[in-house]
Amino acid sequence: LYGVLNYQIVGRQQGFVVQKALLEKYNFDLSSVKKLEDIEPFFQQLKDNEPSNMMIFANTGGTYGWAMTHYVGMDTIGSASYPGAVRANTDDYTVVNQYETEEFMNFCKLMRDWYQKGYIVKDAPTVANETDLKQQGMVAAFLDNVAPGYEPQFAKQLGDRPVETVVIDPPFVNTENVIATMNCVSRTSQNPEKALEFLDLMNTDADGIYNLMCFGLEGTHYKKLSDTRIEKIKDSGYDPNAAWMFGNNFNAYLIPGQEDGLWEETKELNNNATASKLLGFSLNTEPIKIELAQCEAVVSEYLGSITTGSVDPEAYIPQFLDKLEKANVDKIIEEEQRQVDEWLKAKTK
């Protein structure tokens, strides 16, 4: 399969997204947050004063690939849901099992501390209604990819409540970021040539196709304020809130909350992002597909609990690693290292 890359933000930088009303209520300066721990005084104020059913920090379920590059310092190989990574900020191409590193243990200890202090809900690994809680305004803060112009999207997630964001790490781009969103022509398409022609039109915004996909019909779903700016019509029946999905995001109209110059800022972020030393490397999983499936099952069993702090990492990470070993994790690391070494040799020829 071949995909047409969506031209959007590829430099990923993680940060906190926080309800603005709560920041103002407790007079907390979000710009003072430079690392995860810096937000703890604010979380404690929420814990002491807000309703007990408030989700202070939405750290729930999942495989936590987001934590690896940004907070554990690991550039994962292939999917973040199975073992194998190189340290992101070094010249060392040694592949390691990121789950057995000191960095991973320290991150999990911090999440355990937050869990015990009540910043993370007790049923974090299995929470299924986080989206509903956000809409109801019962989520105070969460981590996400933060970039210019993202605030309106985050506000919509929180039931149209204004937000503030703060970046806590520099932008980084790896292969997974670049290929994260693509449009493909299905192999079962009855008109593949026309489908590709449509993708071409959408990426160039010929005849307004791209903005039609993003925002619908002028006068029905939005009203135009200028050549580059629109205002959505509430309850119009069409509002996918996902302009990044459809093609060249830099052709999108600006919406309320997005400042002039947004796309220029985003392009600058892309251009200034630190490139992964494995940028362009793609893992061939065929030689280790059985072992990957076995290890992914173990990761699925343990990672959500460990990274949400709902279990003691010092007790559970050794169990986790033991099960990964029995699932032949060493074969995965060995094969990943072999492929990385071959890729490096090919690059230097």
C-alpha atoms as a PDB file:
ATOM      1  CA  LEU A   1       0.000   0.000   0.000  1.00  0.00           C
ATOM      2  CA  TYR A   2       1.152   3.528  -0.776  1.00  0.00           C
ATOM      3  CA  GLY A   3      -0.211   6.533   1.064  1.00  0.00           C
ATOM      4  CA  VAL A   4      -0.255  10.232   0.273  1.00  0.00           C
ATOM      5  CA  LEU A   5       1.155  12.004   3.308  1.00  0.00           C
ATOM      6  CA  ASN A   6      -1.021  14.679   4.865  1.00  0.00           C
ATOM      7  CA  TYR A   7       1.011  17.885   4.895  1.00  0.00           C
ATOM      8  CA  GLN A   8       0.549  19.110   8.440  1.00  0.00           C
ATOM      9  CA  ILE A   9       2.535  19.527  11.633  1.00  0.00           C
ATOM     10  CA  VAL A  10       5.191  16.826  11.955  1.00  0.00           C
ATOM     11  CA  GLY A  11       7.335  18.349  14.690  1.00  0.00           C
ATOM     12  CA  ARG A  12       5.792  16.916  17.847  1.00  0.00           C
ATOM     13  CA  GLN A  13       6.116  18.744  21.142  1.00  0.00           C
ATOM     14  CA  GLN A  14       4.223  17.591  24.178  1.00  0.00           C
ATOM     15  CA  GLY A  15       2.643  19.901  26.684  1.00  0.00           C
ATOM     16  CA  PHE A  16      -0.110  20.387  29.205  1.00  0.00           C
ATOM     17  CA  VAL A  17      -3.603  21.453  28.155  1.00  0.00           C
ATOM     18  CA  VAL A  18      -5.447  23.051  31.089  1.00  0.00           C
ATOM     19  CA  GLN A  19      -8.843  24.649  31.580  1.00  0.00           C
ATOM     20  CA  LYS A  20      -8.249  28.400  31.649  1.00  0.00           C
ATOM     21  CA  ALA A  21     -10.976  29.034  34.236  1.00  0.00           C
ATOM     22  CA  LEU A  22      -9.217  26.790  36.751  1.00  0.00           C
ATOM     23  CA  LEU A  23      -5.861  28.477  36.169  1.00  0.00           C
ATOM     24  CA  GLU A  24      -7.467  31.855  36.820  1.00  0.00           C
ATOM     25  CA  LYS A  25      -9.397  30.577  39.840  1.00  0.00           C
ATOM     26  CA  TYR A  26      -6.179  29.457  41.552  1.00  0.00           C
ATOM     27  CA  ASN A  27      -3.968  32.176  40.065  1.00  0.00           C
ATOM     28  CA  PHE A  28      -1.548  29.636  38.628  1.00  0.00           C
ATOM     29  CA  ASP A  29       0.915  30.750  35.966  1.00  0.00           C
ATOM     30  CA  LEU A  30       1.058  27.876  33.495  1.00  0.00           C
ATOM     31  CA  SER A  31       4.096  29.363  31.758  1.00  0.00           C
ATOM     32  CA  SER A  32       6.105  28.488  34.882  1.00  0.00           C
ATOM     33  CA  VAL A  33       5.806  24.797  34.007  1.00  0.00           C
ATOM     34  CA  LYS A  34       9.005  23.586  32.348  1.00  0.00           C
ATOM     35  CA  LYS A  35       8.817  19.898  33.267  1.00  0.00           C
ATOM     36  CA  LEU A  36       6.153  17.471  34.504  1.00  0.00           C
ATOM     37  CA  GLU A  37       6.831  18.022  38.200  1.00  0.00           C
ATOM     38  CA  ASP A  38       6.343  21.806  37.983  1.00  0.00           C
ATOM     39  CA  ILE A  39       2.564  21.486  37.717  1.00  0.00           C
ATOM     40  CA  GLU A  40       2.181  19.607  41.015  1.00  0.00           C
ATOM     41  CA  PRO A  41       1.313  22.694  43.167  1.00  0.00           C
ATOM     42  CA  PHE A  42      -1.630  23.416  40.859  1.00  0.00           C
ATOM     43  CA  PHE A  43      -2.773  19.783  40.946  1.00  0.00           C
ATOM     44  CA  GLN A  44      -2.664  19.865  44.740  1.00  0.00           C
ATOM     45  CA  GLN A  45      -4.868  22.971  44.830  1.00  0.00           C
ATOM     46  CA  LEU A  46      -7.399  21.184  42.643  1.00  0.00           C
ATOM     47  CA  LYS A  47      -7.245  18.103  44.846  1.00  0.00           C
ATOM     48  CA  ASP A  48      -7.851  20.209  47.972  1.00  0.00           C
ATOM     49  CA  ASN A  49     -10.671  22.347  46.622  1.00  0.00           C
ATOM     50  CA  GLU A  50     -12.449  20.865  43.604  1.00  0.00           C
ATOM     51  CA  PRO A  51     -15.185  18.156  43.663  1.00  0.00           C
ATOM     52  CA  SER A  52     -13.877  14.660  44.319  1.00  0.00           C
ATOM     53  CA  ASN A  53     -15.139  13.444  40.926  1.00  0.00           C
ATOM     54  CA  MET A  54     -12.953  15.952  39.049  1.00  0.00           C
ATOM     55  CA  MET A  55     -10.344  14.161  36.905  1.00  0.00           C
ATOM     56  CA  ILE A  56      -7.332  16.321  37.730  1.00  0.00           C
ATOM     57  CA  PHE A  57      -4.908  14.748  35.269  1.00  0.00           C
ATOM     58  CA  ALA A  58      -6.312  12.617  32.474  1.00  0.00           C
ATOM     59  CA  ASN A  59      -3.706   9.876  32.302  1.00  0.00           C
ATOM     60  CA  THR A  60      -5.751   6.844  31.363  1.00  0.00           C
ATOM     61  CA  GLY A  61      -5.270   3.478  29.633  1.00  0.00           C
ATOM     62  CA  GLY A  62      -3.371   3.023  26.393  1.00  0.00           C
ATOM     63  CA  THR A  63       0.183   2.078  25.483  1.00  0.00           C
ATOM     64  CA  TYR A  64       1.841   5.395  26.347  1.00  0.00           C
ATOM     65  CA  GLY A  65       4.001   5.769  23.298  1.00  0.00           C
ATOM     66  CA  TRP A  66       3.697   9.509  24.005  1.00  0.00           C
ATOM     67  CA  ALA A  67       5.822   9.121  27.113  1.00  0.00           C
ATOM     68  CA  MET A  68       8.752   7.394  25.469  1.00  0.00           C
ATOM     69  CA  THR A  69      10.369  10.077  23.330  1.00  0.00           C
ATOM     70  CA  HIS A  70       9.214  13.028  25.363  1.00  0.00           C
ATOM     71  CA  TYR A  71       9.655  11.968  28.967  1.00  0.00           C
ATOM     72  CA  VAL A  72      11.668   8.758  28.919  1.00  0.00           C
ATOM     73  CA  GLY A  73      14.060   9.953  26.213  1.00  0.00           C
ATOM     74  CA  MET A  74      13.592   6.909  23.990  1.00  0.00           C
ATOM     75  CA  ASP A  75      13.070   6.988  20.234  1.00  0.00           C
ATOM     76  CA  THR A  76      10.969   3.880  19.674  1.00  0.00           C
ATOM     77  CA  ILE A  77      11.494   1.612  16.694  1.00  0.00           C
ATOM     78  CA  GLY A  78       8.361   0.852  14.719  1.00  0.00           C
ATOM     79  CA  SER A  79       5.279   0.885  16.905  1.00  0.00           C
ATOM     80  CA  ALA A  80       5.480   2.232  20.443  1.00  0.00           C
ATOM     81  CA  SER A  81       3.431  -0.767  21.574  1.00  0.00           C
ATOM     82  CA  TYR A  82       6.348  -3.197  21.454  1.00  0.00           C
ATOM     83  CA  PRO A  83       9.910  -3.217  22.779  1.00  0.00           C
ATOM     84  CA  GLY A  84      12.852  -1.651  21.017  1.00  0.00           C
ATOM     85  CA  ALA A  85      14.253   1.892  21.104  1.00  0.00           C
ATOM     86  CA  VAL A  86      17.407   3.943  20.891  1.00  0.00           C
ATOM     87  CA  ARG A  87      18.186   6.822  23.229  1.00  0.00           C
ATOM     88  CA  ALA A  88      16.916   9.937  21.489  1.00  0.00           C
ATOM     89  CA  ASN A  89      19.498  12.531  22.476  1.00  0.00           C
ATOM     90  CA  THR A  90      22.746  10.644  21.945  1.00  0.00           C
ATOM     91  CA  ASP A  91      24.851   9.426  19.030  1.00  0.00           C
ATOM     92  CA  ASP A  92      24.433   5.840  20.227  1.00  0.00           C
ATOM     93  CA  TYR A  93      22.478   3.523  17.928  1.00  0.00           C
ATOM     94  CA  THR A  94      22.350   0.659  20.424  1.00  0.00           C
ATOM     95  CA  VAL A  95      18.827  -0.798  20.528  1.00  0.00           C
ATOM     96  CA  VAL A  96      17.524  -1.358  24.045  1.00  0.00           C
ATOM     97  CA  ASN A  97      14.349  -2.604  25.665  1.00  0.00           C
ATOM     98  CA  GLN A  98      13.008   0.757  26.817  1.00  0.00           C
ATOM     99  CA  TYR A  99      10.948  -0.864  29.555  1.00  0.00           C
ATOM    100  CA  GLU A 100      14.014  -2.030  31.453  1.00  0.00           C
ATOM    101  CA  THR A 101      15.736   1.364  31.529  1.00  0.00           C
ATOM    102  CA  GLU A 102      16.162   3.583  34.575  1.00  0.00           C
ATOM    103  CA  GLU A 103      14.436   6.400  32.696  1.00  0.00           C
ATOM    104  CA  PHE A 104      11.254   4.356  32.307  1.00  0.00           C
ATOM    105  CA  MET A 105      11.285   3.342  35.967  1.00  0.00           C
ATOM    106  CA  ASN A 106      11.656   6.984  37.069  1.00  0.00           C
ATOM    107  CA  PHE A 107       8.730   8.092  34.887  1.00  0.00           C
ATOM    108  CA  CYS A 108       6.514   5.337  36.285  1.00  0.00           C
ATOM    109  CA  LYS A 109       7.517   6.271  39.835  1.00  0.00           C
ATOM    110  CA  LEU A 110       6.352   9.840  39.178  1.00  0.00           C
ATOM    111  CA  MET A 111       3.016   8.597  37.855  1.00  0.00           C
ATOM    112  CA  ARG A 112       2.717   6.338  40.917  1.00  0.00           C
ATOM    113  CA  ASP A 113       3.297   9.345  43.165  1.00  0.00           C
ATOM    114  CA  TRP A 114       0.606  11.347  41.344  1.00  0.00           C
ATOM    115  CA  TYR A 115      -1.779   8.419  41.549  1.00  0.00           C
ATOM    116  CA  GLN A 116      -1.286   8.072  45.301  1.00  0.00           C
ATOM    117  CA  LYS A 117      -1.810  11.818  45.758  1.00  0.00           C
ATOM    118  CA  GLY A 118      -5.146  11.557  43.919  1.00  0.00           C
ATOM    119  CA  TYR A 119      -4.184  13.486  40.795  1.00  0.00           C
ATOM    120  CA  ILE A 120      -4.932  10.412  38.654  1.00  0.00           C
ATOM    121  CA  VAL A 121      -8.270   8.617  39.048  1.00  0.00           C
ATOM    122  CA  LYS A 122      -8.302   5.202  40.716  1.00  0.00           C
ATOM    123  CA  ASP A 123      -9.684   3.361  37.696  1.00  0.00           C
ATOM    124  CA  ALA A 124      -7.279   5.064  35.263  1.00  0.00           C
ATOM    125  CA  PRO A 125      -6.254   1.939  33.292  1.00  0.00           C
ATOM    126  CA  THR A 126      -9.852   1.097  32.398  1.00  0.00           C
ATOM    127  CA  VAL A 127     -11.572   4.484  32.112  1.00  0.00           C
ATOM    128  CA  ALA A 128     -13.877   4.393  29.102  1.00  0.00           C
ATOM    129  CA  ASN A 129     -15.711   7.709  29.431  1.00  0.00           C
ATOM    130  CA  GLU A 130     -12.839  10.201  29.351  1.00  0.00           C
ATOM    131  CA  THR A 131     -14.336  11.917  26.289  1.00  0.00           C
ATOM    132  CA  ASP A 132     -17.666  12.424  28.086  1.00  0.00           C
ATOM    133  CA  LEU A 133     -15.917  13.738  31.197  1.00  0.00           C
ATOM    134  CA  LYS A 134     -13.999  16.247  29.086  1.00  0.00           C
ATOM    135  CA  GLN A 135     -17.215  17.490  27.497  1.00  0.00           C
ATOM    136  CA  GLN A 136     -18.724  17.937  30.956  1.00  0.00           C
ATOM    137  CA  GLY A 137     -15.753  19.998  32.123  1.00  0.00           C
ATOM    138  CA  MET A 138     -14.733  17.365  34.657  1.00  0.00           C
ATOM    139  CA  VAL A 139     -11.180  17.024  33.288  1.00  0.00           C
ATOM    140  CA  ALA A 140      -8.809  19.727  34.483  1.00  0.00           C
ATOM    141  CA  ALA A 141      -5.651  18.901  32.556  1.00  0.00           C
ATOM    142  CA  PHE A 142      -4.168  16.458  30.099  1.00  0.00           C
ATOM    143  CA  LEU A 143      -1.041  16.012  28.007  1.00  0.00           C
ATOM    144  CA  ASP A 144      -1.142  16.213  24.233  1.00  0.00           C
ATOM    145  CA  ASN A 145       0.777  17.327  21.183  1.00  0.00           C
ATOM    146  CA  VAL A 146       0.772  21.111  21.494  1.00  0.00           C
ATOM    147  CA  ALA A 147       1.282  23.405  18.524  1.00  0.00           C
ATOM    148  CA  PRO A 148       0.247  26.821  17.193  1.00  0.00           C
ATOM    149  CA  GLY A 149      -3.519  27.057  16.714  1.00  0.00           C
ATOM    150  CA  TYR A 150      -4.418  23.901  18.616  1.00  0.00           C
ATOM    151  CA  GLU A 151      -6.289  25.693  21.420  1.00  0.00           C
ATOM    152  CA  PRO A 152      -9.678  25.794  19.632  1.00  0.00           C
ATOM    153  CA  GLN A 153      -9.509  22.011  19.076  1.00  0.00           C
ATOM    154  CA  PHE A 154      -8.677  21.399  22.732  1.00  0.00           C
ATOM    155  CA  ALA A 155     -11.418  23.795  23.841  1.00  0.00           C
ATOM    156  CA  LYS A 156     -13.929  21.869  21.753  1.00  0.00           C
ATOM    157  CA  GLN A 157     -12.828  18.621  23.449  1.00  0.00           C
ATOM    158  CA  LEU A 158     -13.601  20.296  26.776  1.00  0.00           C
ATOM    159  CA  GLY A 159     -17.115  21.330  25.859  1.00  0.00           C
ATOM    160  CA  ASP A 160     -16.045  24.676  24.338  1.00  0.00           C
ATOM    161  CA  ARG A 161     -14.251  25.729  27.525  1.00  0.00           C
ATOM    162  CA  PRO A 162     -11.224  28.008  26.916  1.00  0.00           C
ATOM    163  CA  VAL A 163      -7.827  26.435  27.535  1.00  0.00           C
ATOM    164  CA  GLU A 164      -4.218  27.420  28.002  1.00  0.00           C
ATOM    165  CA  THR A 165      -1.314  25.283  26.883  1.00  0.00           C
ATOM    166  CA  VAL A 166       2.358  25.071  27.748  1.00  0.00           C
ATOM    167  CA  VAL A 167       5.062  23.178  25.880  1.00  0.00           C
ATOM    168  CA  ILE A 168       7.404  21.193  28.094  1.00  0.00           C
ATOM    169  CA  ASP A 169       9.799  19.727  25.556  1.00  0.00           C
ATOM    170  CA  PRO A 170      11.351  20.790  22.236  1.00  0.00           C
ATOM    171  CA  PRO A 171       9.828  19.677  18.922  1.00  0.00           C
ATOM    172  CA  PHE A 172      10.969  16.303  17.637  1.00  0.00           C
ATOM    173  CA  VAL A 173      10.193  14.475  14.405  1.00  0.00           C
ATOM    174  CA  ASN A 174      10.577  10.777  13.678  1.00  0.00           C
ATOM    175  CA  THR A 175       9.349   8.433  10.976  1.00  0.00           C
ATOM    176  CA  GLU A 176       6.153   7.655  12.877  1.00  0.00           C
ATOM    177  CA  ASN A 177       5.296  11.381  13.036  1.00  0.00           C
ATOM    178  CA  VAL A 178       5.777  11.803   9.299  1.00  0.00           C
ATOM    179  CA  ILE A 179       3.627   8.822   8.320  1.00  0.00           C
ATOM    180  CA  ALA A 180       1.097   9.249  11.155  1.00  0.00           C
ATOM    181  CA  THR A 181      -1.678  10.467   8.860  1.00  0.00           C
ATOM    182  CA  MET A 182      -2.048   9.484   5.234  1.00  0.00           C
ATOM    183  CA  ASN A 183      -4.796   9.164   2.637  1.00  0.00           C
ATOM    184  CA  CYS A 184      -4.698   5.993   0.578  1.00  0.00           C
ATOM    185  CA  VAL A 185      -6.509   4.675  -2.440  1.00  0.00           C
ATOM    186  CA  SER A 186      -8.118   1.382  -1.516  1.00  0.00           C
ATOM    187  CA  ARG A 187      -6.989  -1.616  -3.533  1.00  0.00           C
ATOM    188  CA  THR A 188     -10.713  -2.422  -3.952  1.00  0.00           C
ATOM    189  CA  SER A 189     -11.461   0.997  -5.433  1.00  0.00           C
ATOM    190  CA  GLN A 190     -13.435   0.755  -8.662  1.00  0.00           C
ATOM    191  CA  ASN A 191     -11.997   4.094  -9.836  1.00  0.00           C
ATOM    192  CA  PRO A 192      -8.452   4.342  -8.468  1.00  0.00           C
ATOM    193  CA  GLU A 193      -7.371   6.964 -11.018  1.00  0.00           C
ATOM    194  CA  LYS A 194     -10.279   9.236 -10.103  1.00  0.00           C
ATOM    195  CA  ALA A 195      -9.652   8.663  -6.393  1.00  0.00           C
ATOM    196  CA  LEU A 196      -6.058   9.802  -6.833  1.00  0.00           C
ATOM    197  CA  GLU A 197      -7.208  12.795  -8.883  1.00  0.00           C
ATOM    198  CA  PHE A 198      -9.487  13.738  -5.979  1.00  0.00           C
ATOM    199  CA  LEU A 199      -6.568  13.513  -3.521  1.00  0.00           C
ATOM    200  CA  ASP A 200      -4.615  15.798  -5.838  1.00  0.00           C
ATOM    201  CA  LEU A 201      -7.456  18.333  -5.888  1.00  0.00           C
ATOM    202  CA  MET A 202      -7.809  18.142  -2.107  1.00  0.00           C
ATOM    203  CA  ASN A 203      -4.090  18.699  -1.487  1.00  0.00           C
ATOM    204  CA  THR A 204      -3.970  21.742  -3.773  1.00  0.00           C
ATOM    205  CA  ASP A 205      -7.421  22.975  -2.668  1.00  0.00           C
ATOM    206  CA  ALA A 206      -8.407  23.301  -6.311  1.00  0.00           C
ATOM    207  CA  ASP A 207     -11.970  24.685  -6.426  1.00  0.00           C
ATOM    208  CA  GLY A 208     -12.004  24.757  -2.610  1.00  0.00           C
ATOM    209  CA  ILE A 209     -12.221  20.966  -2.276  1.00  0.00           C
ATOM    210  CA  TYR A 210      -9.989  20.829   0.796  1.00  0.00           C
ATOM    211  CA  ASN A 211     -11.913  23.441   2.759  1.00  0.00           C
ATOM    212  CA  LEU A 212     -15.182  21.850   1.653  1.00  0.00           C
ATOM    213  CA  MET A 213     -14.038  18.620   3.318  1.00  0.00           C
ATOM    214  CA  CYS A 214     -12.863  20.451   6.431  1.00  0.00           C
ATOM    215  CA  PHE A 215     -15.681  22.920   6.980  1.00  0.00           C
ATOM    216  CA  GLY A 216     -18.593  22.110   4.688  1.00  0.00           C
ATOM    217  CA  LEU A 217     -20.616  24.607   2.659  1.00  0.00           C
ATOM    218  CA  GLU A 218     -20.297  28.365   2.937  1.00  0.00           C
ATOM    219  CA  GLY A 219     -23.499  29.883   4.284  1.00  0.00           C
ATOM    220  CA  THR A 220     -24.722  26.512   5.542  1.00  0.00           C
ATOM    221  CA  HIS A 221     -21.925  25.309   7.807  1.00  0.00           C
ATOM    222  CA  TYR A 222     -19.763  28.426   8.096  1.00  0.00           C
ATOM    223  CA  LYS A 223     -19.714  32.086   7.201  1.00  0.00           C
ATOM    224  CA  LYS A 224     -16.701  33.759   5.658  1.00  0.00           C
ATOM    225  CA  LEU A 225     -15.169  36.698   7.539  1.00  0.00           C
ATOM    226  CA  SER A 226     -12.331  37.301   5.055  1.00  0.00           C
ATOM    227  CA  ASP A 227     -10.460  35.484   2.309  1.00  0.00           C
ATOM    228  CA  THR A 228      -8.595  33.411   4.904  1.00  0.00           C
ATOM    229  CA  ARG A 229     -10.881  33.368   7.962  1.00  0.00           C
ATOM    230  CA  ILE A 230     -14.258  31.820   8.718  1.00  0.00           C
ATOM    231  CA  GLU A 231     -16.673  31.383  11.611  1.00  0.00           C
ATOM    232  CA  LYS A 232     -18.454  28.060  12.025  1.00  0.00           C
ATOM    233  CA  ILE A 233     -22.237  28.058  12.260  1.00  0.00           C
ATOM    234  CA  LYS A 234     -23.220  26.318  15.466  1.00  0.00           C
ATOM    235  CA  ASP A 235     -25.250  23.093  15.182  1.00  0.00           C
ATOM    236  CA  SER A 236     -25.020  23.244  11.383  1.00  0.00           C
ATOM    237  CA  GLY A 237     -24.760  19.470  11.082  1.00  0.00           C
ATOM    238  CA  TYR A 238     -21.200  19.328   9.737  1.00  0.00           C
ATOM    239  CA  ASP A 239     -18.162  19.944  11.933  1.00  0.00           C
ATOM    240  CA  PRO A 240     -15.557  17.133  11.790  1.00  0.00           C
ATOM    241  CA  ASN A 241     -13.006  19.294  13.681  1.00  0.00           C
ATOM    242  CA  ALA A 242     -10.199  17.427  11.924  1.00  0.00           C
ATOM    243  CA  ALA A 243      -8.683  19.580   9.187  1.00  0.00           C
ATOM    244  CA  TRP A 244      -5.390  17.728   9.661  1.00  0.00           C
ATOM    245  CA  MET A 245      -6.964  14.538   8.293  1.00  0.00           C
ATOM    246  CA  PHE A 246      -7.709  15.631   4.762  1.00  0.00           C
ATOM    247  CA  GLY A 247      -4.560  16.757   2.953  1.00  0.00           C
ATOM    248  CA  ASN A 248      -2.567  19.980   3.066  1.00  0.00           C
ATOM    249  CA  ASN A 249      -3.439  21.545   6.415  1.00  0.00           C
ATOM    250  CA  PHE A 250      -1.771  24.800   5.381  1.00  0.00           C
ATOM    251  CA  ASN A 251      -4.634  25.449   2.961  1.00  0.00           C
ATOM    252  CA  ALA A 252      -7.169  25.542   5.799  1.00  0.00           C
ATOM    253  CA  TYR A 253      -9.214  28.604   6.645  1.00  0.00           C
ATOM    254  CA  LEU A 254      -8.459  30.155  10.015  1.00  0.00           C
ATOM    255  CA  ILE A 255     -11.176  29.777  12.640  1.00  0.00           C
ATOM    256  CA  PRO A 256     -11.826  31.815  15.821  1.00  0.00           C
ATOM    257  CA  GLY A 257      -8.990  31.325  18.274  1.00  0.00           C
ATOM    258  CA  GLN A 258      -6.417  30.807  15.528  1.00  0.00           C
ATOM    259  CA  GLU A 259      -4.165  33.799  15.020  1.00  0.00           C
ATOM    260  CA  ASP A 260      -2.985  35.292  11.745  1.00  0.00           C
ATOM    261  CA  GLY A 261       0.361  33.787  10.794  1.00  0.00           C
ATOM    262  CA  LEU A 262      -0.589  30.389  12.247  1.00  0.00           C
ATOM    263  CA  TRP A 263       0.528  28.357   9.246  1.00  0.00           C
ATOM    264  CA  GLU A 264       3.829  30.234   8.991  1.00  0.00           C
ATOM    265  CA  GLU A 265       4.473  29.470  12.686  1.00  0.00           C
ATOM    266  CA  THR A 266       3.631  25.802  12.141  1.00  0.00           C
ATOM    267  CA  LYS A 267       5.968  25.512   9.179  1.00  0.00           C
ATOM    268  CA  GLU A 268       8.703  27.109  11.286  1.00  0.00           C
ATOM    269  CA  LEU A 269       8.073  24.552  14.036  1.00  0.00           C
ATOM    270  CA  ASN A 270       8.396  21.753  11.482  1.00  0.00           C
ATOM    271  CA  ASN A 271      11.618  23.202  10.112  1.00  0.00           C
ATOM    272  CA  ASN A 272      13.165  23.673  13.568  1.00  0.00           C
ATOM    273  CA  ALA A 273      12.200  20.281  14.976  1.00  0.00           C
ATOM    274  CA  THR A 274      15.041  17.958  15.937  1.00  0.00           C
ATOM    275  CA  ALA A 275      15.083  15.042  13.517  1.00  0.00           C
ATOM    276  CA  SER A 276      15.283  11.523  14.865  1.00  0.00           C
ATOM    277  CA  LYS A 277      18.572   9.866  14.045  1.00  0.00           C
ATOM    278  CA  LEU A 278      16.416   7.006  12.711  1.00  0.00           C
ATOM    279  CA  LEU A 279      14.324   9.269  10.479  1.00  0.00           C
ATOM    280  CA  GLY A 280      13.476   7.238   7.386  1.00  0.00           C
ATOM    281  CA  PHE A 281      14.129   3.860   8.993  1.00  0.00           C
ATOM    282  CA  SER A 282      11.237   1.416   8.661  1.00  0.00           C
ATOM    283  CA  LEU A 283      11.256  -1.857  10.564  1.00  0.00           C
ATOM    284  CA  ASN A 284      10.537  -5.031   8.615  1.00  0.00           C
ATOM    285  CA  THR A 285       8.463  -6.965  11.140  1.00  0.00           C
ATOM    286  CA  GLU A 286       8.176 -10.164   9.107  1.00  0.00           C
ATOM    287  CA  PRO A 287      11.158 -12.008  10.713  1.00  0.00           C
ATOM    288  CA  ILE A 288       9.827 -11.352  14.239  1.00  0.00           C
ATOM    289  CA  LYS A 289       6.071 -11.136  13.759  1.00  0.00           C
ATOM    290  CA  ILE A 290       5.357 -14.012  16.175  1.00  0.00           C
ATOM    291  CA  GLU A 291       7.570 -12.540  18.893  1.00  0.00           C
ATOM    292  CA  LEU A 292       6.092  -9.068  18.364  1.00  0.00           C
ATOM    293  CA  ALA A 293       2.569 -10.428  18.784  1.00  0.00           C
ATOM    294  CA  GLN A 294       3.607 -12.213  21.973  1.00  0.00           C
ATOM    295  CA  CYS A 295       5.290  -9.117  23.406  1.00  0.00           C
ATOM    296  CA  GLU A 296       2.455  -6.800  22.394  1.00  0.00           C
ATOM    297  CA  ALA A 297       0.109  -8.998  24.412  1.00  0.00           C
ATOM    298  CA  VAL A 298       2.371  -8.611  27.457  1.00  0.00           C
ATOM    299  CA  VAL A 299       2.655  -4.840  26.908  1.00  0.00           C
ATOM    300  CA  SER A 300      -1.132  -4.608  26.657  1.00  0.00           C
ATOM    301  CA  GLU A 301      -1.471  -6.513  29.937  1.00  0.00           C
ATOM    302  CA  TYR A 302       0.972  -4.414  31.978  1.00  0.00           C
ATOM    303  CA  LEU A 303       1.726  -1.015  30.486  1.00  0.00           C
ATOM    304  CA  GLY A 304      -1.582   0.739  31.196  1.00  0.00           C
ATOM    305  CA  SER A 305      -1.440  -0.116  34.892  1.00  0.00           C
ATOM    306  CA  ILE A 306       2.240   0.714  35.300  1.00  0.00           C
ATOM    307  CA  THR A 307       2.191   4.067  33.476  1.00  0.00           C
ATOM    308  CA  THR A 308      -0.985   5.345  35.131  1.00  0.00           C
ATOM    309  CA  GLY A 309       0.533   4.742  38.558  1.00  0.00           C
ATOM    310  CA  SER A 310      -2.196   2.351  39.641  1.00  0.00           C
ATOM    311  CA  VAL A 311       0.409  -0.272  40.606  1.00  0.00           C
ATOM    312  CA  ASP A 312       3.831  -0.040  42.252  1.00  0.00           C
ATOM    313  CA  PRO A 313       6.383   0.028  39.406  1.00  0.00           C
ATOM    314  CA  GLU A 314       9.143  -1.390  41.579  1.00  0.00           C
ATOM    315  CA  ALA A 315       6.993  -4.476  42.124  1.00  0.00           C
ATOM    316  CA  TYR A 316       5.363  -4.777  38.707  1.00  0.00           C
ATOM    317  CA  ILE A 317       8.084  -3.773  36.245  1.00  0.00           C
ATOM    318  CA  PRO A 318      10.203  -6.841  37.174  1.00  0.00           C
ATOM    319  CA  GLN A 319       7.135  -9.033  36.517  1.00  0.00           C
ATOM    320  CA  PHE A 320       6.553  -7.193  33.241  1.00  0.00           C
ATOM    321  CA  LEU A 321      10.167  -7.706  32.137  1.00  0.00           C
ATOM    322  CA  ASP A 322      10.086 -11.377  33.121  1.00  0.00           C
ATOM    323  CA  LYS A 323       7.035 -11.961  30.923  1.00  0.00           C
ATOM    324  CA  LEU A 324       8.643 -10.053  28.042  1.00  0.00           C
ATOM    325  CA  GLU A 325      11.707 -12.258  28.344  1.00  0.00           C
ATOM    326  CA  LYS A 326       9.537 -15.371  28.182  1.00  0.00           C
ATOM    327  CA  ALA A 327       7.861 -13.869  25.087  1.00  0.00           C
ATOM    328  CA  ASN A 328      11.294 -13.734  23.376  1.00  0.00           C
ATOM    329  CA  VAL A 329      11.912 -10.004  23.636  1.00  0.00           C
ATOM    330  CA  ASP A 330      15.656 -10.634  23.144  1.00  0.00           C
ATOM    331  CA  LYS A 331      15.013 -11.905  19.622  1.00  0.00           C
ATOM    332  CA  ILE A 332      13.121  -8.683  18.818  1.00  0.00           C
ATOM    333  CA  ILE A 333      15.919  -6.451  20.111  1.00  0.00           C
ATOM    334  CA  GLU A 334      18.523  -8.501  18.217  1.00  0.00           C
ATOM    335  CA  GLU A 335      16.607  -8.292  14.929  1.00  0.00           C
ATOM    336  CA  GLU A 336      15.924  -4.576  15.346  1.00  0.00           C
ATOM    337  CA  GLN A 337      19.622  -3.974  15.974  1.00  0.00           C
ATOM    338  CA  ARG A 338      20.548  -5.979  12.872  1.00  0.00           C
ATOM    339  CA  GLN A 339      18.176  -3.942  10.692  1.00  0.00           C
ATOM    340  CA  VAL A 340      19.329  -0.619  12.159  1.00  0.00           C
ATOM    341  CA  ASP A 341      22.973  -1.564  11.521  1.00  0.00           C
ATOM    342  CA  GLU A 342      22.188  -2.501   7.917  1.00  0.00           C
ATOM    343  CA  TRP A 343      20.276   0.751   7.409  1.00  0.00           C
ATOM    344  CA  LEU A 344      23.209   2.746   8.781  1.00  0.00           C
ATOM    345  CA  LYS A 345      25.644   0.990   6.465  1.00  0.00           C
ATOM    346  CA  ALA A 346      23.426   1.723   3.477  1.00  0.00           C
ATOM    347  CA  LYS A 347      23.197   5.399   4.459  1.00  0.00           C
ATOM    348  CA  THR A 348      26.960   5.828   4.615  1.00  0.00           C
ATOM    349  CA  LYS A 349      27.702   4.246   1.236  1.00  0.00           C
END
